[in-house]
Protein backbone atom coordinates (compact mmCIF):
# COMPACT_ATOMS: atom_id res chain seq x y z
CA MET A 1 143.44 104.20 202.85
CA THR A 2 145.76 103.24 205.54
CA GLU A 3 147.53 105.40 207.97
CA MET A 4 150.44 107.14 206.31
CA ILE A 5 153.56 107.97 208.77
CA TYR A 6 155.64 111.03 208.05
CA LEU A 7 159.31 110.48 208.07
CA ASP A 8 160.92 113.34 206.08
CA THR A 9 161.08 116.02 203.75
CA TYR A 10 163.55 115.84 200.94
CA VAL A 11 164.78 117.75 197.89
CA LEU A 12 163.93 116.60 193.99
CA GLN A 13 167.69 116.28 192.94
CA GLN A 14 168.22 118.09 189.42
CA ASP A 15 168.64 114.39 187.74
CA MET A 16 165.22 113.49 189.31
CA ARG A 17 166.49 111.50 192.30
CA VAL A 18 164.72 111.30 195.50
CA ARG A 19 166.64 110.24 198.62
CA LEU A 20 164.91 108.11 200.73
CA PRO A 21 164.73 108.28 204.54
CA LYS A 22 167.20 106.20 206.38
CA ALA A 23 164.00 105.25 208.60
CA VAL A 24 162.90 103.20 205.69
CA LEU A 25 165.99 100.68 205.99
CA ALA A 26 164.51 100.74 209.28
CA ASN A 27 160.83 100.18 209.19
CA MET A 28 160.77 98.30 205.91
CA ASN A 29 162.33 95.05 204.63
CA VAL A 30 164.65 96.72 201.90
CA GLU A 31 168.22 96.38 200.78
CA LYS A 32 170.12 99.25 199.42
CA GLY A 33 171.30 98.16 195.74
CA LYS A 34 168.82 95.50 195.77
CA THR A 35 165.23 96.43 196.49
CA LYS A 36 163.05 97.55 193.65
CA PHE A 37 159.99 99.88 194.40
CA ASP A 38 156.61 100.87 192.23
CA ILE A 39 155.86 104.39 192.19
CA TYR A 40 152.10 104.93 191.96
CA LEU A 41 151.07 108.56 191.40
CA ASP A 42 147.37 109.26 193.12
CA SER A 43 146.59 112.34 190.89
CA SER A 44 143.00 113.15 192.63
CA ASP A 45 145.88 114.60 196.25
CA ASN A 46 149.10 114.66 194.06
CA THR A 47 150.70 111.75 196.40
CA LEU A 48 153.36 109.88 195.40
CA ILE A 49 153.40 105.90 196.28
CA PHE A 50 156.12 103.52 196.67
CA ARG A 51 155.35 100.21 197.22
CA ILE A 52 158.41 97.41 197.41
CA HIS A 53 158.13 95.36 193.60
CA ARG A 54 157.16 92.07 194.06
CA ASP A 55 158.40 89.57 191.48
CA GLU A 56 155.26 87.56 190.01
CA GLU A 57 157.58 84.39 189.53
CA GLU A 58 154.53 81.42 190.09
């Protein structure tokens, strides 16, 4: 696994939303309201992984 970088800690909201830290905008090529994420669970250590969704248009 690649090196992980800690960004911040947030509470899971009542409606199941998770706010992403502003550092995501500064460190990744994402746009608010446009970028989609694929979410993975690593059940061996209870880790959630957010990856930028890549459309398979080929």
